[in-house]
Amino acid sequence: MSKVSRYHPALVVLHWALALLIIAALALGALVMVKIPNTDPMKFEALRSHMGGGMAILVLMLVRLVIRSRSAHPDPATAGHPLLDRLAWLSHRMFYGTVFAMAGSGIIMALQTGLFETVFLGHGNLPADLWVFPIRSVHYAISRVLMALIAIHIVAAFYHALVLRDGLLSRMFFGRRKIETAQSSHIAQVQS
């Protein structure tokens, strides 16, 4: 059985790229687009970036799932308490579900409101108010759940780095993966 101390390099790249893209998409939606009226031409540019980023996030998340399911990864980490370990397990799965739900609600909203044609093809105008579509409230609510999960993830990373000092963060950086098979470690023990 193989043991590794770090995630596959492709997963490392995807983790950090997705972190940047997701934070940028959330910031663009929550801090920038909300302040731009739908009649302002800048809203088209902001929506184009937001929607393009959302589609990139969806594709990269699917790629990440495939690579994660086919590559060796380190044993589950522990925070030293079963409740914290369970929360970590749950929050990681919620990340995937929430990101997919966010992308799905964005796609549904774009289809319901004609945003694909308006934003990418220049046909028509933006609806006067996207909030009249119920899916807009769903997209908003999911974004807040995602923001909370990101905050929990960052706090947990600092907890591991500063309180536990267990080197957990090194698992999501580049470096030797230290692949060791159970058989080779047994041979090394027998030889010494």
N, C-alpha and C. Protein backbone atom coordinates (compact mmCIF):
# COMPACT_ATOMS: atom_id res chain seq x y z
N MET A 1 0.84 -1.18 0.00
CA MET A 1 0.00 0.00 0.00
C MET A 1 0.89 1.24 0.00
N SER A 2 0.61 2.19 -0.86
CA SER A 2 1.43 3.40 -0.96
C SER A 2 0.94 4.46 0.02
N LYS A 3 1.89 5.17 0.57
CA LYS A 3 1.59 6.30 1.46
C LYS A 3 2.24 7.54 0.86
N VAL A 4 1.51 8.63 0.85
CA VAL A 4 2.06 9.89 0.38
C VAL A 4 1.84 10.94 1.45
N SER A 5 2.73 11.92 1.46
CA SER A 5 2.63 12.98 2.46
C SER A 5 2.03 14.26 1.89
N ARG A 6 1.92 14.33 0.56
CA ARG A 6 1.38 15.52 -0.09
C ARG A 6 0.37 15.11 -1.16
N TYR A 7 -0.45 16.08 -1.53
CA TYR A 7 -1.40 15.84 -2.62
C TYR A 7 -0.68 15.91 -3.96
N HIS A 8 -1.27 15.31 -4.96
CA HIS A 8 -0.74 15.31 -6.32
C HIS A 8 -0.50 16.76 -6.75
N PRO A 9 0.60 17.05 -7.46
CA PRO A 9 0.89 18.43 -7.87
C PRO A 9 -0.26 19.09 -8.66
N ALA A 10 -0.98 18.32 -9.44
CA ALA A 10 -2.12 18.91 -10.17
C ALA A 10 -3.20 19.37 -9.20
N LEU A 11 -3.39 18.62 -8.11
CA LEU A 11 -4.37 19.02 -7.10
C LEU A 11 -3.92 20.28 -6.36
N VAL A 12 -2.61 20.40 -6.16
CA VAL A 12 -2.08 21.61 -5.52
C VAL A 12 -2.37 22.83 -6.39
N VAL A 13 -2.06 22.71 -7.68
CA VAL A 13 -2.32 23.82 -8.60
C VAL A 13 -3.81 24.14 -8.63
N LEU A 14 -4.64 23.12 -8.74
CA LEU A 14 -6.09 23.34 -8.80
C LEU A 14 -6.63 23.94 -7.50
N HIS A 15 -6.11 23.50 -6.37
CA HIS A 15 -6.55 24.04 -5.08
C HIS A 15 -6.34 25.55 -5.02
N TRP A 16 -5.11 25.99 -5.34
CA TRP A 16 -4.79 27.41 -5.23
C TRP A 16 -5.43 28.23 -6.35
N ALA A 17 -5.52 27.67 -7.55
CA ALA A 17 -6.20 28.38 -8.64
C ALA A 17 -7.68 28.55 -8.32
N LEU A 18 -8.30 27.49 -7.83
CA LEU A 18 -9.72 27.57 -7.47
C LEU A 18 -9.94 28.52 -6.30
N ALA A 19 -9.03 28.52 -5.34
CA ALA A 19 -9.17 29.45 -4.22
C ALA A 19 -9.20 30.89 -4.73
N LEU A 20 -8.28 31.22 -5.62
CA LEU A 20 -8.24 32.58 -6.17
C LEU A 20 -9.48 32.89 -7.00
N LEU A 21 -9.85 31.96 -7.87
CA LEU A 21 -11.02 32.18 -8.73
C LEU A 21 -12.32 32.32 -7.93
N ILE A 22 -12.49 31.47 -6.93
CA ILE A 22 -13.72 31.50 -6.14
C ILE A 22 -13.80 32.80 -5.34
N ILE A 23 -12.70 33.18 -4.71
CA ILE A 23 -12.70 34.43 -3.94
C ILE A 23 -12.93 35.62 -4.87
N ALA A 24 -12.31 35.60 -6.05
CA ALA A 24 -12.51 36.70 -7.01
C ALA A 24 -13.96 36.76 -7.48
N ALA A 25 -14.55 35.60 -7.79
CA ALA A 25 -15.95 35.58 -8.25
C ALA A 25 -16.90 36.05 -7.15
N LEU A 26 -16.65 35.62 -5.92
CA LEU A 26 -17.49 36.07 -4.80
C LEU A 26 -17.35 37.57 -4.58
N ALA A 27 -16.11 38.06 -4.62
CA ALA A 27 -15.88 39.50 -4.41
C ALA A 27 -16.51 40.31 -5.54
N LEU A 28 -16.36 39.85 -6.77
CA LEU A 28 -16.95 40.56 -7.90
C LEU A 28 -18.47 40.63 -7.76
N GLY A 29 -19.07 39.51 -7.37
CA GLY A 29 -20.52 39.48 -7.22
C GLY A 29 -21.01 40.28 -6.03
N ALA A 30 -20.37 40.11 -4.87
CA ALA A 30 -20.86 40.71 -3.63
C ALA A 30 -20.44 42.16 -3.43
N LEU A 31 -19.29 42.54 -3.97
CA LEU A 31 -18.76 43.88 -3.70
C LEU A 31 -18.82 44.83 -4.89
N VAL A 32 -18.79 44.29 -6.10
CA VAL A 32 -18.71 45.15 -7.28
C VAL A 32 -20.03 45.19 -8.04
N MET A 33 -20.49 44.03 -8.50
CA MET A 33 -21.67 44.00 -9.36
C MET A 33 -22.92 44.51 -8.67
N VAL A 34 -23.03 44.28 -7.38
CA VAL A 34 -24.21 44.71 -6.64
C VAL A 34 -24.38 46.23 -6.68
N LYS A 35 -23.29 46.96 -6.87
CA LYS A 35 -23.34 48.42 -6.87
C LYS A 35 -23.53 49.02 -8.26
N ILE A 36 -23.46 48.19 -9.30
CA ILE A 36 -23.58 48.70 -10.67
C ILE A 36 -25.01 48.49 -11.16
N PRO A 37 -25.67 49.58 -11.59
CA PRO A 37 -27.04 49.41 -12.11
C PRO A 37 -27.03 48.56 -13.40
N ASN A 38 -28.11 47.84 -13.62
CA ASN A 38 -28.20 46.96 -14.80
C ASN A 38 -28.19 47.74 -16.12
N THR A 39 -28.40 49.04 -16.06
CA THR A 39 -28.38 49.86 -17.28
C THR A 39 -26.96 50.35 -17.62
N ASP A 40 -26.03 50.21 -16.70
CA ASP A 40 -24.64 50.67 -16.91
C ASP A 40 -23.90 49.65 -17.76
N PRO A 41 -23.21 50.10 -18.83
CA PRO A 41 -22.43 49.17 -19.67
C PRO A 41 -21.36 48.38 -18.90
N MET A 42 -20.90 48.93 -17.78
CA MET A 42 -19.91 48.21 -16.96
C MET A 42 -20.50 46.93 -16.36
N LYS A 43 -21.81 46.89 -16.22
CA LYS A 43 -22.46 45.70 -15.68
C LYS A 43 -22.25 44.52 -16.61
N PHE A 44 -22.26 44.79 -17.94
CA PHE A 44 -22.01 43.71 -18.91
C PHE A 44 -20.60 43.14 -18.72
N GLU A 45 -19.63 44.03 -18.56
CA GLU A 45 -18.24 43.59 -18.39
C GLU A 45 -18.09 42.80 -17.09
N ALA A 46 -18.70 43.31 -16.03
CA ALA A 46 -18.62 42.61 -14.75
C ALA A 46 -19.30 41.24 -14.83
N LEU A 47 -20.47 41.20 -15.44
CA LEU A 47 -21.17 39.92 -15.60
C LEU A 47 -20.39 38.95 -16.47
N ARG A 48 -19.77 39.46 -17.53
CA ARG A 48 -18.97 38.60 -18.40
C ARG A 48 -17.83 37.96 -17.61
N SER A 49 -17.15 38.75 -16.80
CA SER A 49 -16.06 38.22 -15.97
C SER A 49 -16.59 37.24 -14.92
N HIS A 50 -17.68 37.61 -14.28
CA HIS A 50 -18.27 36.77 -13.23
C HIS A 50 -18.74 35.43 -13.81
N MET A 51 -19.46 35.48 -14.91
CA MET A 51 -19.98 34.26 -15.52
C MET A 51 -18.86 33.41 -16.12
N GLY A 52 -17.90 34.06 -16.78
CA GLY A 52 -16.76 33.31 -17.31
C GLY A 52 -15.97 32.64 -16.21
N GLY A 53 -15.76 33.38 -15.11
CA GLY A 53 -15.06 32.80 -13.96
C GLY A 53 -15.84 31.64 -13.37
N GLY A 54 -17.16 31.79 -13.27
CA GLY A 54 -17.99 30.71 -12.74
C GLY A 54 -17.92 29.45 -13.58
N MET A 55 -17.91 29.62 -14.90
CA MET A 55 -17.79 28.45 -15.78
C MET A 55 -16.42 27.80 -15.64
N ALA A 56 -15.37 28.62 -15.52
CA ALA A 56 -14.02 28.08 -15.32
C ALA A 56 -13.94 27.32 -13.99
N ILE A 57 -14.56 27.87 -12.95
CA ILE A 57 -14.57 27.21 -11.65
C ILE A 57 -15.26 25.85 -11.76
N LEU A 58 -16.39 25.80 -12.44
CA LEU A 58 -17.11 24.53 -12.60
C LEU A 58 -16.25 23.49 -13.30
N VAL A 59 -15.62 23.87 -14.40
CA VAL A 59 -14.77 22.92 -15.14
C VAL A 59 -13.60 22.46 -14.29
N LEU A 60 -12.94 23.41 -13.62
CA LEU A 60 -11.77 23.05 -12.79
C LEU A 60 -12.18 22.17 -11.60
N MET A 61 -13.35 22.40 -11.04
CA MET A 61 -13.83 21.54 -9.95
C MET A 61 -14.07 20.12 -10.43
N LEU A 62 -14.62 19.99 -11.63
CA LEU A 62 -14.82 18.65 -12.18
C LEU A 62 -13.49 17.96 -12.43
N VAL A 63 -12.52 18.69 -12.97
CA VAL A 63 -11.18 18.14 -13.19
C VAL A 63 -10.57 17.73 -11.85
N ARG A 64 -10.73 18.59 -10.85
CA ARG A 64 -10.18 18.30 -9.52
C ARG A 64 -10.78 17.01 -8.95
N LEU A 65 -12.10 16.85 -9.10
CA LEU A 65 -12.74 15.63 -8.60
C LEU A 65 -12.19 14.38 -9.28
N VAL A 66 -11.99 14.45 -10.58
CA VAL A 66 -11.46 13.30 -11.32
C VAL A 66 -10.04 12.97 -10.84
N ILE A 67 -9.19 13.98 -10.76
CA ILE A 67 -7.80 13.74 -10.33
C ILE A 67 -7.76 13.24 -8.90
N ARG A 68 -8.58 13.83 -8.04
CA ARG A 68 -8.58 13.41 -6.63
C ARG A 68 -9.03 11.96 -6.50
N SER A 69 -9.99 11.55 -7.32
CA SER A 69 -10.48 10.18 -7.22
C SER A 69 -9.49 9.17 -7.79
N ARG A 70 -8.53 9.62 -8.60
CA ARG A 70 -7.60 8.70 -9.25
C ARG A 70 -6.17 8.80 -8.74
N SER A 71 -5.92 9.65 -7.76
CA SER A 71 -4.56 9.81 -7.27
C SER A 71 -4.50 9.48 -5.78
N ALA A 72 -3.31 9.09 -5.35
CA ALA A 72 -3.10 8.82 -3.93
C ALA A 72 -3.07 10.15 -3.19
N HIS A 73 -3.61 10.14 -2.00
CA HIS A 73 -3.56 11.35 -1.19
C HIS A 73 -3.25 10.97 0.25
N PRO A 74 -2.79 11.94 1.02
CA PRO A 74 -2.40 11.64 2.41
C PRO A 74 -3.57 11.12 3.23
N ASP A 75 -3.23 10.45 4.32
CA ASP A 75 -4.25 10.00 5.25
C ASP A 75 -5.01 11.21 5.78
N PRO A 76 -6.24 11.00 6.21
CA PRO A 76 -7.00 12.13 6.76
C PRO A 76 -6.25 12.78 7.92
N ALA A 77 -6.32 14.10 7.97
CA ALA A 77 -5.66 14.84 9.05
C ALA A 77 -6.52 14.77 10.30
N THR A 78 -5.90 15.06 11.42
CA THR A 78 -6.66 15.13 12.66
C THR A 78 -6.38 16.46 13.35
N ALA A 79 -7.42 16.98 13.96
CA ALA A 79 -7.28 18.21 14.74
C ALA A 79 -7.17 17.89 16.23
N GLY A 80 -7.13 16.60 16.54
CA GLY A 80 -6.97 16.19 17.92
C GLY A 80 -8.27 16.00 18.69
N HIS A 81 -9.39 16.17 18.02
CA HIS A 81 -10.68 15.97 18.67
C HIS A 81 -11.66 15.41 17.64
N PRO A 82 -12.40 14.36 17.98
CA PRO A 82 -13.32 13.74 17.01
C PRO A 82 -14.34 14.71 16.42
N LEU A 83 -14.84 15.64 17.21
CA LEU A 83 -15.83 16.60 16.71
C LEU A 83 -15.21 17.52 15.66
N LEU A 84 -13.99 18.00 15.91
CA LEU A 84 -13.29 18.84 14.93
C LEU A 84 -12.96 18.06 13.67
N ASP A 85 -12.57 16.80 13.84
CA ASP A 85 -12.27 15.96 12.68
C ASP A 85 -13.52 15.74 11.83
N ARG A 86 -14.64 15.55 12.47
CA ARG A 86 -15.91 15.36 11.75
C ARG A 86 -16.32 16.65 11.03
N LEU A 87 -16.12 17.79 11.70
CA LEU A 87 -16.42 19.08 11.09
C LEU A 87 -15.55 19.31 9.86
N ALA A 88 -14.28 18.93 9.95
CA ALA A 88 -13.37 19.07 8.79
C ALA A 88 -13.84 18.20 7.64
N TRP A 89 -14.19 16.96 7.93
CA TRP A 89 -14.67 16.04 6.90
C TRP A 89 -15.92 16.61 6.23
N LEU A 90 -16.86 17.09 7.04
CA LEU A 90 -18.11 17.62 6.53
C LEU A 90 -17.89 18.91 5.72
N SER A 91 -17.05 19.80 6.22
CA SER A 91 -16.85 21.08 5.53
C SER A 91 -16.17 20.88 4.18
N HIS A 92 -15.26 19.92 4.07
CA HIS A 92 -14.63 19.66 2.77
C HIS A 92 -15.65 19.15 1.76
N ARG A 93 -16.54 18.30 2.18
CA ARG A 93 -17.57 17.81 1.27
C ARG A 93 -18.57 18.91 0.93
N MET A 94 -18.85 19.76 1.91
CA MET A 94 -19.76 20.88 1.67
C MET A 94 -19.17 21.86 0.67
N PHE A 95 -17.83 21.99 0.67
CA PHE A 95 -17.18 22.86 -0.32
C PHE A 95 -17.56 22.42 -1.73
N TYR A 96 -17.39 21.13 -2.00
CA TYR A 96 -17.72 20.62 -3.33
C TYR A 96 -19.19 20.86 -3.65
N GLY A 97 -20.06 20.46 -2.74
CA GLY A 97 -21.49 20.61 -2.99
C GLY A 97 -21.90 22.07 -3.17
N THR A 98 -21.33 22.94 -2.35
CA THR A 98 -21.69 24.36 -2.42
C THR A 98 -21.19 25.00 -3.71
N VAL A 99 -19.97 24.67 -4.10
CA VAL A 99 -19.44 25.23 -5.36
C VAL A 99 -20.27 24.75 -6.54
N PHE A 100 -20.62 23.47 -6.57
CA PHE A 100 -21.45 22.96 -7.66
C PHE A 100 -22.85 23.59 -7.62
N ALA A 101 -23.41 23.77 -6.42
CA ALA A 101 -24.72 24.42 -6.30
C ALA A 101 -24.65 25.88 -6.74
N MET A 102 -23.55 26.53 -6.42
CA MET A 102 -23.37 27.93 -6.83
C MET A 102 -23.33 28.03 -8.35
N ALA A 103 -22.53 27.16 -8.97
CA ALA A 103 -22.44 27.16 -10.44
C ALA A 103 -23.78 26.80 -11.05
N GLY A 104 -24.44 25.80 -10.50
CA GLY A 104 -25.74 25.38 -11.03
C GLY A 104 -26.79 26.48 -10.93
N SER A 105 -26.84 27.15 -9.79
CA SER A 105 -27.81 28.24 -9.64
C SER A 105 -27.48 29.40 -10.56
N GLY A 106 -26.19 29.64 -10.80
CA GLY A 106 -25.79 30.68 -11.75
C GLY A 106 -26.20 30.34 -13.17
N ILE A 107 -26.04 29.08 -13.55
CA ILE A 107 -26.43 28.64 -14.89
C ILE A 107 -27.95 28.75 -15.05
N ILE A 108 -28.70 28.31 -14.03
CA ILE A 108 -30.16 28.40 -14.10
C ILE A 108 -30.59 29.86 -14.22
N MET A 109 -29.96 30.73 -13.43
CA MET A 109 -30.31 32.15 -13.50
C MET A 109 -29.99 32.72 -14.87
N ALA A 110 -28.84 32.35 -15.43
CA ALA A 110 -28.47 32.85 -16.76
C ALA A 110 -29.46 32.37 -17.82
N LEU A 111 -29.92 31.13 -17.70
CA LEU A 111 -30.89 30.61 -18.67
C LEU A 111 -32.25 31.29 -18.50
N GLN A 112 -32.68 31.46 -17.25
CA GLN A 112 -33.99 32.08 -17.00
C GLN A 112 -34.04 33.54 -17.43
N THR A 113 -32.93 34.23 -17.33
CA THR A 113 -32.91 35.67 -17.59
C THR A 113 -32.34 36.04 -18.95
N GLY A 114 -31.89 35.04 -19.70
CA GLY A 114 -31.30 35.32 -21.01
C GLY A 114 -29.92 35.94 -20.94
N LEU A 115 -29.23 35.76 -19.82
CA LEU A 115 -27.92 36.39 -19.65
C LEU A 115 -26.86 35.87 -20.62
N PHE A 116 -26.92 34.61 -21.01
CA PHE A 116 -25.91 34.09 -21.95
C PHE A 116 -25.96 34.88 -23.25
N GLU A 117 -27.16 35.06 -23.80
CA GLU A 117 -27.30 35.78 -25.06
C GLU A 117 -26.95 37.26 -24.89
N THR A 118 -27.41 37.86 -23.80
CA THR A 118 -27.18 39.29 -23.57
C THR A 118 -25.71 39.59 -23.30
N VAL A 119 -25.12 38.83 -22.40
CA VAL A 119 -23.75 39.12 -21.96
C VAL A 119 -22.70 38.67 -22.97
N PHE A 120 -22.86 37.48 -23.53
CA PHE A 120 -21.81 36.96 -24.41
C PHE A 120 -22.05 37.25 -25.89
N LEU A 121 -23.30 37.41 -26.29
CA LEU A 121 -23.59 37.64 -27.70
C LEU A 121 -24.08 39.04 -27.99
N GLY A 122 -24.36 39.82 -26.96
CA GLY A 122 -24.79 41.20 -27.14
C GLY A 122 -26.21 41.36 -27.64
N HIS A 123 -27.02 40.32 -27.47
CA HIS A 123 -28.43 40.38 -27.91
C HIS A 123 -29.32 40.76 -26.73
N GLY A 124 -30.03 41.86 -26.86
CA GLY A 124 -31.00 42.25 -25.84
C GLY A 124 -30.37 43.05 -24.71
N ASN A 125 -31.18 43.26 -23.68
CA ASN A 125 -30.77 44.04 -22.51
C ASN A 125 -30.88 43.18 -21.26
N LEU A 126 -30.20 43.63 -20.24
CA LEU A 126 -30.31 42.96 -18.95
C LEU A 126 -31.70 43.22 -18.37
N PRO A 127 -32.24 42.27 -17.63
CA PRO A 127 -33.50 42.54 -16.93
C PRO A 127 -33.29 43.73 -15.98
N ALA A 128 -34.33 44.48 -15.76
CA ALA A 128 -34.23 45.65 -14.88
C ALA A 128 -33.81 45.24 -13.47
N ASP A 129 -34.29 44.08 -13.00
CA ASP A 129 -33.98 43.63 -11.65
C ASP A 129 -33.89 42.10 -11.65
N LEU A 130 -32.71 41.58 -11.37
CA LEU A 130 -32.53 40.12 -11.33
C LEU A 130 -33.18 39.50 -10.10
N TRP A 131 -33.44 40.31 -9.06
CA TRP A 131 -34.01 39.78 -7.83
C TRP A 131 -35.46 39.33 -8.00
N VAL A 132 -36.12 39.68 -9.08
CA VAL A 132 -37.49 39.20 -9.28
C VAL A 132 -37.51 37.71 -9.64
N PHE A 133 -36.36 37.18 -10.00
CA PHE A 133 -36.24 35.75 -10.29
C PHE A 133 -35.86 35.03 -9.00
N PRO A 134 -36.66 34.07 -8.53
CA PRO A 134 -36.37 33.38 -7.26
C PRO A 134 -34.97 32.76 -7.21
N ILE A 135 -34.45 32.32 -8.33
CA ILE A 135 -33.13 31.69 -8.34
C ILE A 135 -32.04 32.67 -7.92
N ARG A 136 -32.29 33.97 -8.07
CA ARG A 136 -31.31 34.98 -7.65
C ARG A 136 -31.11 34.92 -6.14
N SER A 137 -32.20 34.72 -5.38
CA SER A 137 -32.10 34.59 -3.92
C SER A 137 -31.36 33.31 -3.53
N VAL A 138 -31.58 32.25 -4.29
CA VAL A 138 -30.87 30.99 -4.04
C VAL A 138 -29.38 31.19 -4.28
N HIS A 139 -29.02 31.82 -5.38
CA HIS A 139 -27.62 32.08 -5.72
C HIS A 139 -26.96 32.92 -4.61
N TYR A 140 -27.68 33.91 -4.13
CA TYR A 140 -27.18 34.76 -3.05
C TYR A 140 -26.95 33.94 -1.78
N ALA A 141 -27.94 33.14 -1.39
CA ALA A 141 -27.83 32.35 -0.16
C ALA A 141 -26.67 31.37 -0.23
N ILE A 142 -26.51 30.72 -1.37
CA ILE A 142 -25.40 29.78 -1.53
C ILE A 142 -24.07 30.51 -1.44
N SER A 143 -24.00 31.73 -1.98
CA SER A 143 -22.74 32.49 -1.90
C SER A 143 -22.37 32.76 -0.46
N ARG A 144 -23.35 33.01 0.40
CA ARG A 144 -23.05 33.28 1.81
C ARG A 144 -22.60 32.02 2.53
N VAL A 145 -23.17 30.87 2.17
CA VAL A 145 -22.70 29.60 2.73
C VAL A 145 -21.25 29.36 2.31
N LEU A 146 -20.96 29.62 1.05
CA LEU A 146 -19.59 29.43 0.54
C LEU A 146 -18.62 30.36 1.26
N MET A 147 -19.02 31.60 1.49
CA MET A 147 -18.16 32.53 2.23
C MET A 147 -17.88 32.02 3.64
N ALA A 148 -18.91 31.47 4.30
CA ALA A 148 -18.72 30.91 5.64
C ALA A 148 -17.78 29.72 5.62
N LEU A 149 -17.92 28.86 4.62
CA LEU A 149 -17.02 27.70 4.50
C LEU A 149 -15.57 28.14 4.28
N ILE A 150 -15.38 29.18 3.48
CA ILE A 150 -14.04 29.70 3.24
C ILE A 150 -13.45 30.23 4.55
N ALA A 151 -14.25 30.95 5.32
CA ALA A 151 -13.78 31.48 6.60
C ALA A 151 -13.39 30.34 7.54
N ILE A 152 -14.22 29.30 7.62
CA ILE A 152 -13.92 28.13 8.46
C ILE A 152 -12.63 27.47 8.00
N HIS A 153 -12.47 27.33 6.69
CA HIS A 153 -11.28 26.70 6.11
C HIS A 153 -10.01 27.48 6.48
N ILE A 154 -10.08 28.80 6.39
CA ILE A 154 -8.92 29.63 6.71
C ILE A 154 -8.60 29.57 8.20
N VAL A 155 -9.63 29.64 9.05
CA VAL A 155 -9.42 29.53 10.50
C VAL A 155 -8.80 28.17 10.84
N ALA A 156 -9.29 27.11 10.22
CA ALA A 156 -8.74 25.78 10.48
C ALA A 156 -7.29 25.69 10.03
N ALA A 157 -6.97 26.30 8.89
CA ALA A 157 -5.58 26.28 8.41
C ALA A 157 -4.66 26.99 9.41
N PHE A 158 -5.11 28.14 9.92
CA PHE A 158 -4.31 28.86 10.94
C PHE A 158 -4.21 28.04 12.23
N TYR A 159 -5.27 27.37 12.60
CA TYR A 159 -5.25 26.52 13.80
C TYR A 159 -4.19 25.42 13.66
N HIS A 160 -4.17 24.77 12.50
CA HIS A 160 -3.17 23.73 12.28
C HIS A 160 -1.76 24.31 12.24
N ALA A 161 -1.60 25.48 11.61
CA ALA A 161 -0.27 26.07 11.45
C ALA A 161 0.26 26.69 12.74
N LEU A 162 -0.60 27.40 13.47
CA LEU A 162 -0.12 28.18 14.61
C LEU A 162 -0.34 27.52 15.97
N VAL A 163 -1.39 26.72 16.10
CA VAL A 163 -1.67 26.08 17.39
C VAL A 163 -1.12 24.65 17.41
N LEU A 164 -1.55 23.84 16.46
CA LEU A 164 -1.09 22.45 16.43
C LEU A 164 0.33 22.31 15.89
N ARG A 165 0.71 23.20 14.99
CA ARG A 165 2.04 23.17 14.36
C ARG A 165 2.36 21.77 13.82
N ASP A 166 1.38 21.22 13.10
CA ASP A 166 1.50 19.84 12.63
C ASP A 166 1.95 19.71 11.17
N GLY A 167 2.27 20.83 10.53
CA GLY A 167 2.74 20.77 9.15
C GLY A 167 1.66 20.41 8.14
N LEU A 168 0.41 20.51 8.54
CA LEU A 168 -0.68 20.12 7.65
C LEU A 168 -0.67 20.90 6.34
N LEU A 169 -0.35 22.18 6.40
CA LEU A 169 -0.39 23.01 5.19
C LEU A 169 0.59 22.55 4.13
N SER A 170 1.66 21.89 4.54
CA SER A 170 2.66 21.42 3.55
C SER A 170 2.05 20.39 2.60
N ARG A 171 0.95 19.75 2.99
CA ARG A 171 0.31 18.76 2.14
C ARG A 171 -0.25 19.38 0.87
N MET A 172 -0.54 20.69 0.90
CA MET A 172 -1.14 21.37 -0.24
C MET A 172 -0.13 22.32 -0.89
N PHE A 173 1.14 21.95 -0.81
CA PHE A 173 2.20 22.68 -1.50
C PHE A 173 3.06 21.69 -2.26
N PHE A 174 3.94 22.22 -3.10
CA PHE A 174 4.80 21.36 -3.92
C PHE A 174 5.94 20.81 -3.08
N GLY A 175 6.43 19.68 -3.49
CA GLY A 175 7.55 19.05 -2.82
C GLY A 175 7.49 17.55 -3.02
N ARG A 176 8.49 16.90 -2.52
CA ARG A 176 8.54 15.44 -2.62
C ARG A 176 7.33 14.85 -1.90
N ARG A 177 6.68 13.92 -2.56
CA ARG A 177 5.47 13.32 -2.00
C ARG A 177 5.77 12.18 -1.05
N LYS A 178 7.04 11.79 -0.93
CA LYS A 178 7.47 10.75 0.01
C LYS A 178 6.63 9.49 -0.10
N ILE A 179 6.63 8.93 -1.28
CA ILE A 179 5.89 7.69 -1.47
C ILE A 179 6.68 6.56 -0.82
N GLU A 180 6.02 5.86 0.07
CA GLU A 180 6.66 4.76 0.77
C GLU A 180 5.68 3.59 0.76
N THR A 181 6.10 2.48 0.26
CA THR A 181 5.21 1.32 0.27
C THR A 181 5.39 0.57 1.58
N ALA A 182 4.35 -0.08 2.00
CA ALA A 182 4.39 -0.85 3.24
C ALA A 182 5.46 -1.93 3.16
N GLN A 183 5.61 -2.56 1.99
CA GLN A 183 6.59 -3.62 1.82
C GLN A 183 8.02 -3.07 1.93
N SER A 184 8.33 -1.91 1.30
CA SER A 184 9.69 -1.38 1.36
C SER A 184 10.05 -0.92 2.76
N SER A 185 9.07 -0.41 3.55
CA SER A 185 9.40 -0.02 4.91
C SER A 185 9.63 -1.25 5.78
N HIS A 186 8.91 -2.36 5.49
CA HIS A 186 9.12 -3.60 6.22
C HIS A 186 10.52 -4.14 5.91
N ILE A 187 10.94 -4.08 4.63
CA ILE A 187 12.28 -4.55 4.25
C ILE A 187 13.34 -3.71 4.93
N ALA A 188 13.14 -2.39 5.00
CA ALA A 188 14.11 -1.51 5.65
C ALA A 188 14.21 -1.84 7.14
N GLN A 189 13.10 -2.18 7.78
CA GLN A 189 13.13 -2.53 9.20
C GLN A 189 13.85 -3.85 9.41
N VAL A 190 13.63 -4.82 8.52
CA VAL A 190 14.27 -6.13 8.65
C VAL A 190 15.78 -6.00 8.44
N GLN A 191 16.21 -5.15 7.52
CA GLN A 191 17.61 -4.99 7.22
C GLN A 191 18.38 -4.27 8.33
N SER A 192 17.70 -3.49 9.15
CA SER A 192 18.42 -2.75 10.18
C SER A 192 18.47 -3.46 11.48
